[in-house]
PDB file of all heavy atoms in Angstrom:
ATOM      1  N   ASN A   1     -56.240  -7.340  16.589  1.00  0.00           N
ATOM      2  CA  ASN A   1     -55.663  -6.552  15.583  1.00  0.00           C
ATOM      3  C   ASN A   1     -56.486  -5.262  15.311  1.00  0.00           C
ATOM      4  O   ASN A   1     -56.192  -4.571  14.379  1.00  0.00           O
ATOM      5  CB  ASN A   1     -55.565  -7.355  14.293  1.00  0.00           C
ATOM      6  CG  ASN A   1     -54.606  -8.552  14.412  1.00  0.00           C
ATOM      7  OD1 ASN A   1     -53.844  -8.610  15.330  1.00  0.00           O
ATOM      8  ND2 ASN A   1     -54.763  -9.483  13.610  1.00  0.00           N
ATOM      9  N   LEU A   2     -57.476  -5.070  16.113  1.00  0.00           N
ATOM     10  CA  LEU A   2     -58.262  -3.819  16.076  1.00  0.00           C
ATOM     11  C   LEU A   2     -57.703  -2.764  17.082  1.00  0.00           C
ATOM     12  O   LEU A   2     -57.303  -3.231  18.187  1.00  0.00           O
ATOM     13  CB  LEU A   2     -59.733  -4.040  16.453  1.00  0.00           C
ATOM     14  CG  LEU A   2     -60.457  -5.001  15.448  1.00  0.00           C
ATOM     15  CD1 LEU A   2     -61.849  -5.301  16.092  1.00  0.00           C
ATOM     16  CD2 LEU A   2     -60.607  -4.295  14.138  1.00  0.00           C
ATOM     17  N   ALA A   3     -57.608  -1.458  16.629  1.00  0.00           N
ATOM     18  CA  ALA A   3     -57.042  -0.468  17.503  1.00  0.00           C
ATOM     19  C   ALA A   3     -57.655   0.834  17.319  1.00  0.00           C
ATOM     20  O   ALA A   3     -57.730   1.317  16.089  1.00  0.00           O
ATOM     21  CB  ALA A   3     -55.497  -0.399  17.266  1.00  0.00           C
ATOM     22  N   PRO A   4     -58.183   1.513  18.355  1.00  0.00           N
ATOM     23  CA  PRO A   4     -58.756   2.772  18.235  1.00  0.00           C
ATOM     24  C   PRO A   4     -57.630   3.842  18.103  1.00  0.00           C
ATOM     25  O   PRO A   4     -56.550   3.678  18.711  1.00  0.00           O
ATOM     26  CB  PRO A   4     -59.530   3.019  19.437  1.00  0.00           C
ATOM     27  CG  PRO A   4     -58.815   2.179  20.402  1.00  0.00           C
ATOM     28  CD  PRO A   4     -58.333   0.992  19.725  1.00  0.00           C
ATOM     29  N   ASP A   5     -57.906   4.923  17.401  1.00  0.00           N
ATOM     30  CA  ASP A   5     -56.854   6.021  17.377  1.00  0.00           C
ATOM     31  C   ASP A   5     -57.216   7.117  18.450  1.00  0.00           C
ATOM     32  O   ASP A   5     -58.257   6.860  19.272  1.00  0.00           O
ATOM     33  CB  ASP A   5     -56.765   6.678  15.989  1.00  0.00           C
ATOM     34  CG  ASP A   5     -58.047   7.459  15.557  1.00  0.00           C
ATOM     35  OD1 ASP A   5     -59.011   7.663  16.409  1.00  0.00           O
ATOM     36  OD2 ASP A   5     -58.247   7.647  14.348  1.00  0.00           O
ATOM     37  N   SER A   6     -56.535   8.082  18.554  1.00  0.00           N
ATOM     38  CA  SER A   6     -56.819   9.071  19.676  1.00  0.00           C
ATOM     39  C   SER A   6     -58.061   9.844  19.512  1.00  0.00           C
ATOM     40  O   SER A   6     -58.466  10.464  20.452  1.00  0.00           O
ATOM     41  CB  SER A   6     -55.623  10.122  19.664  1.00  0.00           C
ATOM     42  OG  SER A   6     -55.572  10.825  18.451  1.00  0.00           O
ATOM     43  N   ASP A   7     -58.764   9.710  18.388  1.00  0.00           N
ATOM     44  CA  ASP A   7     -60.083  10.316  18.213  1.00  0.00           C
ATOM     45  C   ASP A   7     -61.209   9.344  18.409  1.00  0.00           C
ATOM     46  O   ASP A   7     -62.347   9.763  18.239  1.00  0.00           O
ATOM     47  CB  ASP A   7     -60.205  10.957  16.856  1.00  0.00           C
ATOM     48  CG  ASP A   7     -59.153  12.180  16.618  1.00  0.00           C
ATOM     49  OD1 ASP A   7     -59.143  13.006  17.569  1.00  0.00           O
ATOM     50  OD2 ASP A   7     -58.622  12.254  15.543  1.00  0.00           O
ATOM     51  N   GLY A   8     -60.833   8.124  18.672  1.00  0.00           N
ATOM     52  CA  GLY A   8     -61.950   7.152  18.945  1.00  0.00           C
ATOM     53  C   GLY A   8     -62.355   6.290  17.743  1.00  0.00           C
ATOM     54  O   GLY A   8     -63.384   5.575  17.818  1.00  0.00           O
ATOM     55  N   TYR A   9     -61.742   6.589  16.630  1.00  0.00           N
ATOM     56  CA  TYR A   9     -62.020   5.747  15.462  1.00  0.00           C
ATOM     57  C   TYR A   9     -61.313   4.374  15.498  1.00  0.00           C
ATOM     58  O   TYR A   9     -60.142   4.252  15.832  1.00  0.00           O
ATOM     59  CB  TYR A   9     -61.625   6.522  14.178  1.00  0.00           C
ATOM     60  CG  TYR A   9     -62.587   7.667  13.810  1.00  0.00           C
ATOM     61  CD1 TYR A   9     -62.326   8.906  14.339  1.00  0.00           C
ATOM     62  CD2 TYR A   9     -63.792   7.488  13.130  1.00  0.00           C
ATOM     63  CE1 TYR A   9     -63.140  10.064  14.155  1.00  0.00           C
ATOM     64  CE2 TYR A   9     -64.581   8.548  12.881  1.00  0.00           C
ATOM     65  CZ  TYR A   9     -64.292   9.821  13.430  1.00  0.00           C
ATOM     66  OH  TYR A   9     -65.200  10.813  13.279  1.00  0.00           O
ATOM     67  N   LEU A  10     -62.016   3.298  15.159  1.00  0.00           N
ATOM     68  CA  LEU A  10     -61.534   1.916  15.264  1.00  0.00           C
ATOM     69  C   LEU A  10     -61.006   1.400  14.032  1.00  0.00           C
ATOM     70  O   LEU A  10     -61.804   1.327  12.937  1.00  0.00           O
ATOM     71  CB  LEU A  10     -62.649   1.056  15.762  1.00  0.00           C
ATOM     72  CG  LEU A  10     -62.169  -0.383  16.176  1.00  0.00           C
ATOM     73  CD1 LEU A  10     -61.321  -0.332  17.402  1.00  0.00           C
ATOM     74  CD2 LEU A  10     -63.447  -1.262  16.529  1.00  0.00           C
ATOM     75  N   TRP A  11     -59.759   1.116  13.896  1.00  0.00           N
ATOM     76  CA  TRP A  11     -59.001   0.619  12.732  1.00  0.00           C
ATOM     77  C   TRP A  11     -58.603  -0.793  12.814  1.00  0.00           C
ATOM     78  O   TRP A  11     -58.324  -1.301  13.967  1.00  0.00           O
ATOM     79  CB  TRP A  11     -57.732   1.476  12.441  1.00  0.00           C
ATOM     80  CG  TRP A  11     -58.095   2.912  12.281  1.00  0.00           C
ATOM     81  CD1 TRP A  11     -58.141   3.921  13.280  1.00  0.00           C
ATOM     82  CD2 TRP A  11     -58.145   3.662  10.989  1.00  0.00           C
ATOM     83  NE1 TRP A  11     -58.424   5.049  12.684  1.00  0.00           N
ATOM     84  CE2 TRP A  11     -58.461   5.017  11.353  1.00  0.00           C
ATOM     85  CE3 TRP A  11     -58.275   3.219   9.736  1.00  0.00           C
ATOM     86  CZ2 TRP A  11     -58.721   5.924  10.390  1.00  0.00           C
ATOM     87  CZ3 TRP A  11     -58.477   4.152   8.772  1.00  0.00           C
ATOM     88  CH2 TRP A  11     -58.719   5.612   9.128  1.00  0.00           C
ATOM     89  N   VAL A  12     -58.634  -1.496  11.723  1.00  0.00           N
ATOM     90  CA  VAL A  12     -57.830  -2.688  11.754  1.00  0.00           C
ATOM     91  C   VAL A  12     -56.426  -2.331  11.482  1.00  0.00           C
ATOM     92  O   VAL A  12     -56.128  -1.541  10.409  1.00  0.00           O
ATOM     93  CB  VAL A  12     -58.218  -3.625  10.593  1.00  0.00           C
ATOM     94  CG1 VAL A  12     -57.406  -4.875  10.500  1.00  0.00           C
ATOM     95  CG2 VAL A  12     -59.741  -4.008  10.714  1.00  0.00           C
ATOM     96  N   LYS A  13     -55.409  -2.739  12.230  1.00  0.00           N
ATOM     97  CA  LYS A  13     -53.997  -2.378  12.013  1.00  0.00           C
ATOM     98  C   LYS A  13     -53.611  -2.617  10.518  1.00  0.00           C
ATOM     99  O   LYS A  13     -53.712  -3.749  10.190  1.00  0.00           O
ATOM    100  CB  LYS A  13     -53.184  -3.035  12.986  1.00  0.00           C
ATOM    101  CG  LYS A  13     -53.511  -2.767  14.506  1.00  0.00           C
ATOM    102  CD  LYS A  13     -52.510  -3.567  15.357  1.00  0.00           C
ATOM    103  CE  LYS A  13     -52.911  -3.323  16.904  1.00  0.00           C
ATOM    104  NZ  LYS A  13     -52.183  -4.148  17.727  1.00  0.00           N
ATOM    105  N   PRO A  14     -53.207  -1.517   9.856  1.00  0.00           N
ATOM    106  CA  PRO A  14     -53.017  -1.756   8.404  1.00  0.00           C
ATOM    107  C   PRO A  14     -52.018  -2.950   8.009  1.00  0.00           C
ATOM    108  O   PRO A  14     -52.282  -3.569   7.075  1.00  0.00           O
ATOM    109  CB  PRO A  14     -52.508  -0.408   7.978  1.00  0.00           C
ATOM    110  CG  PRO A  14     -53.155   0.630   8.927  1.00  0.00           C
ATOM    111  CD  PRO A  14     -53.097  -0.144  10.246  1.00  0.00           C
ATOM    112  N   ALA A  15     -51.094  -3.059   8.860  1.00  0.00           N
ATOM    113  CA  ALA A  15     -50.010  -4.057   8.625  1.00  0.00           C
ATOM    114  C   ALA A  15     -50.573  -5.479   8.736  1.00  0.00           C
ATOM    115  O   ALA A  15     -50.005  -6.500   8.190  1.00  0.00           O
ATOM    116  CB  ALA A  15     -48.803  -3.909   9.469  1.00  0.00           C
ATOM    117  N   LEU A  16     -51.666  -5.538   9.528  1.00  0.00           N
ATOM    118  CA  LEU A  16     -52.326  -6.837   9.735  1.00  0.00           C
ATOM    119  C   LEU A  16     -53.637  -7.003   9.086  1.00  0.00           C
ATOM    120  O   LEU A  16     -54.424  -8.030   9.347  1.00  0.00           O
ATOM    121  CB  LEU A  16     -52.498  -7.000  11.263  1.00  0.00           C
ATOM    122  CG  LEU A  16     -51.211  -6.802  12.071  1.00  0.00           C
ATOM    123  CD1 LEU A  16     -51.562  -6.929  13.575  1.00  0.00           C
ATOM    124  CD2 LEU A  16     -50.160  -8.039  11.745  1.00  0.00           C
ATOM    125  N   TYR A  17     -53.953  -6.097   8.165  1.00  0.00           N
ATOM    126  CA  TYR A  17     -55.259  -6.074   7.615  1.00  0.00           C
ATOM    127  C   TYR A  17     -55.463  -7.296   6.630  1.00  0.00           C
ATOM    128  O   TYR A  17     -56.509  -7.991   6.678  1.00  0.00           O
ATOM    129  CB  TYR A  17     -55.430  -4.836   6.704  1.00  0.00           C
ATOM    130  CG  TYR A  17     -56.880  -4.518   6.238  1.00  0.00           C
ATOM    131  CD1 TYR A  17     -57.712  -3.787   7.052  1.00  0.00           C
ATOM    132  CD2 TYR A  17     -57.392  -5.111   5.113  1.00  0.00           C
ATOM    133  CE1 TYR A  17     -59.046  -3.575   6.673  1.00  0.00           C
ATOM    134  CE2 TYR A  17     -58.668  -4.961   4.701  1.00  0.00           C
ATOM    135  CZ  TYR A  17     -59.497  -4.073   5.474  1.00  0.00           C
ATOM    136  OH  TYR A  17     -60.851  -3.942   5.099  1.00  0.00           O
ATOM    137  N   HIS A  18     -54.542  -7.652   5.971  1.00  0.00           N
ATOM    138  CA  HIS A  18     -54.553  -8.801   5.035  1.00  0.00           C
ATOM    139  C   HIS A  18     -54.900 -10.034   5.778  1.00  0.00           C
ATOM    140  O   HIS A  18     -55.905 -10.832   5.465  1.00  0.00           O
ATOM    141  CB  HIS A  18     -53.301  -9.040   4.278  1.00  0.00           C
ATOM    142  CG  HIS A  18     -53.355 -10.306   3.313  1.00  0.00           C
ATOM    143  ND1 HIS A  18     -52.531 -11.386   3.512  1.00  0.00           N
ATOM    144  CD2 HIS A  18     -54.206 -10.588   2.266  1.00  0.00           C
ATOM    145  CE1 HIS A  18     -52.779 -12.253   2.541  1.00  0.00           C
ATOM    146  NE2 HIS A  18     -53.780 -11.737   1.754  1.00  0.00           N
ATOM    147  N   GLU A  19     -54.195 -10.407   6.825  1.00  0.00           N
ATOM    148  CA  GLU A  19     -54.379 -11.623   7.637  1.00  0.00           C
ATOM    149  C   GLU A  19     -55.667 -11.555   8.514  1.00  0.00           C
ATOM    150  O   GLU A  19     -56.230 -12.649   8.821  1.00  0.00           O
ATOM    151  CB  GLU A  19     -53.180 -11.850   8.625  1.00  0.00           C
ATOM    152  CG  GLU A  19     -52.982 -10.881   9.648  1.00  0.00           C
ATOM    153  CD  GLU A  19     -51.737 -11.213  10.622  1.00  0.00           C
ATOM    154  OE1 GLU A  19     -50.609 -11.181  10.081  1.00  0.00           O
ATOM    155  OE2 GLU A  19     -52.021 -11.607  11.778  1.00  0.00           O
ATOM    156  N   SER A  20     -56.165 -10.308   8.803  1.00  0.00           N
ATOM    157  CA  SER A  20     -57.266 -10.163   9.608  1.00  0.00           C
ATOM    158  C   SER A  20     -58.653 -10.162   8.822  1.00  0.00           C
ATOM    159  O   SER A  20     -59.558 -10.714   9.321  1.00  0.00           O
ATOM    160  CB  SER A  20     -57.247  -8.864  10.412  1.00  0.00           C
ATOM    161  OG  SER A  20     -56.001  -8.752  11.135  1.00  0.00           O
ATOM    162  N   PHE A  21     -58.599  -9.570   7.735  1.00  0.00           N
ATOM    163  CA  PHE A  21     -59.916  -9.156   6.971  1.00  0.00           C
ATOM    164  C   PHE A  21     -60.085  -9.958   5.772  1.00  0.00           C
ATOM    165  O   PHE A  21     -61.098 -10.283   5.350  1.00  0.00           O
ATOM    166  CB  PHE A  21     -59.919  -7.716   6.708  1.00  0.00           C
ATOM    167  CG  PHE A  21     -61.286  -7.078   6.468  1.00  0.00           C
ATOM    168  CD1 PHE A  21     -61.891  -6.426   7.465  1.00  0.00           C
ATOM    169  CD2 PHE A  21     -61.792  -7.171   5.211  1.00  0.00           C
ATOM    170  CE1 PHE A  21     -63.136  -5.830   7.265  1.00  0.00           C
ATOM    171  CE2 PHE A  21     -63.039  -6.615   5.004  1.00  0.00           C
ATOM    172  CZ  PHE A  21     -63.756  -5.906   6.040  1.00  0.00           C
ATOM    173  N   CYS A  22     -58.973 -10.162   4.965  1.00  0.00           N
ATOM    174  CA  CYS A  22     -59.120 -10.714   3.675  1.00  0.00           C
ATOM    175  C   CYS A  22     -57.972 -11.643   3.307  1.00  0.00           C
ATOM    176  O   CYS A  22     -57.385 -11.483   2.268  1.00  0.00           O
ATOM    177  CB  CYS A  22     -59.154  -9.559   2.620  1.00  0.00           C
ATOM    178  SG  CYS A  22     -57.879  -8.366   2.853  1.00  0.00           S
ATOM    179  N   GLN A  23     -57.808 -12.712   4.067  1.00  0.00           N
ATOM    180  CA  GLN A  23     -56.592 -13.512   3.918  1.00  0.00           C
ATOM    181  C   GLN A  23     -56.656 -14.333   2.610  1.00  0.00           C
ATOM    182  O   GLN A  23     -55.701 -14.894   2.158  1.00  0.00           O
ATOM    183  CB  GLN A  23     -56.362 -14.495   5.123  1.00  0.00           C
ATOM    184  CG  GLN A  23     -57.469 -15.555   5.301  1.00  0.00           C
ATOM    185  CD  GLN A  23     -58.665 -15.110   6.068  1.00  0.00           C
ATOM    186  OE1 GLN A  23     -58.835 -13.968   6.262  1.00  0.00           O
ATOM    187  NE2 GLN A  23     -59.441 -16.070   6.555  1.00  0.00           N
ATOM    188  N   ASP A  24     -57.953 -14.441   2.023  1.00  0.00           N
ATOM    189  CA  ASP A  24     -58.083 -15.170   0.774  1.00  0.00           C
ATOM    190  C   ASP A  24     -57.848 -14.221  -0.515  1.00  0.00           C
ATOM    191  O   ASP A  24     -58.094 -14.735  -1.657  1.00  0.00           O
ATOM    192  CB  ASP A  24     -59.314 -15.942   0.702  1.00  0.00           C
ATOM    193  CG  ASP A  24     -60.630 -15.077   1.086  1.00  0.00           C
ATOM    194  OD1 ASP A  24     -60.369 -13.863   1.378  1.00  0.00           O
ATOM    195  OD2 ASP A  24     -61.628 -15.569   1.070  1.00  0.00           O
ATOM    196  N   LEU A  25     -57.539 -12.991  -0.311  1.00  0.00           N
ATOM    197  CA  LEU A  25     -57.089 -12.151  -1.390  1.00  0.00           C
ATOM    198  C   LEU A  25     -55.541 -12.106  -1.455  1.00  0.00           C
ATOM    199  O   LEU A  25     -54.954 -12.646  -0.540  1.00  0.00           O
ATOM    200  CB  LEU A  25     -57.590 -10.715  -1.283  1.00  0.00           C
ATOM    201  CG  LEU A  25     -59.130 -10.537  -1.233  1.00  0.00           C
ATOM    202  CD1 LEU A  25     -59.477  -9.139  -1.014  1.00  0.00           C
ATOM    203  CD2 LEU A  25     -59.816 -11.075  -2.571  1.00  0.00           C
ATOM    204  N   THR A  26     -54.881 -11.422  -2.448  1.00  0.00           N
ATOM    205  CA  THR A  26     -53.466 -11.426  -2.406  1.00  0.00           C
ATOM    206  C   THR A  26     -52.988 -10.427  -1.371  1.00  0.00           C
ATOM    207  O   THR A  26     -53.682  -9.509  -0.965  1.00  0.00           O
ATOM    208  CB  THR A  26     -52.994 -10.925  -3.885  1.00  0.00           C
ATOM    209  OG1 THR A  26     -53.344  -9.561  -3.947  1.00  0.00           O
ATOM    210  CG2 THR A  26     -53.543 -11.784  -4.947  1.00  0.00           C
ATOM    211  N   PRO A  27     -51.725 -10.608  -0.992  1.00  0.00           N
ATOM    212  CA  PRO A  27     -51.222  -9.656  -0.038  1.00  0.00           C
ATOM    213  C   PRO A  27     -51.234  -8.274  -0.592  1.00  0.00           C
ATOM    214  O   PRO A  27     -51.418  -7.201   0.270  1.00  0.00           O
ATOM    215  CB  PRO A  27     -49.672 -10.073   0.138  1.00  0.00           C
ATOM    216  CG  PRO A  27     -49.808 -11.657  -0.109  1.00  0.00           C
ATOM    217  CD  PRO A  27     -50.818 -11.784  -1.227  1.00  0.00           C
ATOM    218  N   THR A  28     -51.041  -7.882  -1.834  1.00  0.00           N
ATOM    219  CA  THR A  28     -51.053  -6.595  -2.295  1.00  0.00           C
ATOM    220  C   THR A  28     -52.502  -6.080  -2.235  1.00  0.00           C
ATOM    221  O   THR A  28     -52.683  -4.856  -1.889  1.00  0.00           O
ATOM    222  CB  THR A  28     -50.615  -6.538  -3.779  1.00  0.00           C
ATOM    223  OG1 THR A  28     -49.307  -7.084  -3.859  1.00  0.00           O
ATOM    224  CG2 THR A  28     -50.776  -5.164  -4.421  1.00  0.00           C
ATOM    225  N   GLU A  29     -53.505  -6.868  -2.546  1.00  0.00           N
ATOM    226  CA  GLU A  29     -54.838  -6.397  -2.407  1.00  0.00           C
ATOM    227  C   GLU A  29     -55.194  -6.107  -0.944  1.00  0.00           C
ATOM    228  O   GLU A  29     -55.826  -5.187  -0.664  1.00  0.00           O
ATOM    229  CB  GLU A  29     -55.773  -7.476  -2.859  1.00  0.00           C
ATOM    230  CG  GLU A  29     -55.782  -7.669  -4.461  1.00  0.00           C
ATOM    231  CD  GLU A  29     -56.649  -8.778  -4.936  1.00  0.00           C
ATOM    232  OE1 GLU A  29     -56.549  -9.885  -4.219  1.00  0.00           O
ATOM    233  OE2 GLU A  29     -57.218  -8.800  -5.912  1.00  0.00           O
ATOM    234  N   GLY A  30     -54.701  -6.897   0.026  1.00  0.00           N
ATOM    235  CA  GLY A  30     -54.845  -6.765   1.401  1.00  0.00           C
ATOM    236  C   GLY A  30     -54.215  -5.400   1.823  1.00  0.00           C
ATOM    237  O   GLY A  30     -54.822  -4.628   2.607  1.00  0.00           O
ATOM    238  N   LEU A  31     -53.083  -5.216   1.324  1.00  0.00           N
ATOM    239  CA  LEU A  31     -52.287  -3.892   1.680  1.00  0.00           C
ATOM    240  C   LEU A  31     -53.087  -2.736   1.284  1.00  0.00           C
ATOM    241  O   LEU A  31     -53.354  -1.701   1.978  1.00  0.00           O
ATOM    242  CB  LEU A  31     -51.008  -3.856   0.954  1.00  0.00           C
ATOM    243  CG  LEU A  31     -50.131  -2.631   1.067  1.00  0.00           C
ATOM    244  CD1 LEU A  31     -49.822  -2.381   2.610  1.00  0.00           C
ATOM    245  CD2 LEU A  31     -48.869  -2.798   0.361  1.00  0.00           C
ATOM    246  N   VAL A  32     -53.662  -2.718   0.018  1.00  0.00           N
ATOM    247  CA  VAL A  32     -54.463  -1.631  -0.544  1.00  0.00           C
ATOM    248  C   VAL A  32     -55.683  -1.414   0.309  1.00  0.00           C
ATOM    249  O   VAL A  32     -56.077  -0.309   0.645  1.00  0.00           O
ATOM    250  CB  VAL A  32     -54.751  -1.815  -1.935  1.00  0.00           C
ATOM    251  CG1 VAL A  32     -55.769  -0.662  -2.566  1.00  0.00           C
ATOM    252  CG2 VAL A  32     -53.440  -1.713  -2.852  1.00  0.00           C
ATOM    253  N   LEU A  33     -56.343  -2.526   0.485  1.00  0.00           N
ATOM    254  CA  LEU A  33     -57.659  -2.368   1.353  1.00  0.00           C
ATOM    255  C   LEU A  33     -57.274  -1.895   2.772  1.00  0.00           C
ATOM    256  O   LEU A  33     -58.214  -1.134   3.336  1.00  0.00           O
ATOM    257  CB  LEU A  33     -58.331  -3.741   1.349  1.00  0.00           C
ATOM    258  CG  LEU A  33     -58.956  -4.266   0.107  1.00  0.00           C
ATOM    259  CD1 LEU A  33     -59.441  -5.653   0.218  1.00  0.00           C
ATOM    260  CD2 LEU A  33     -60.082  -3.292  -0.375  1.00  0.00           C
TER     261      LEU A  33
END
C-alpha cells in the first residue's frame, strides 16, 4: 500500500491509510491522517 509519486516521495495510498497505518482509530480519523 506504499507508492512513490513522480518526484520520488513515498506515500501510503490515502484510500488505504486507515487499514495500513491506524486500523485501531476510526475510519474518519484514518481518512484525515
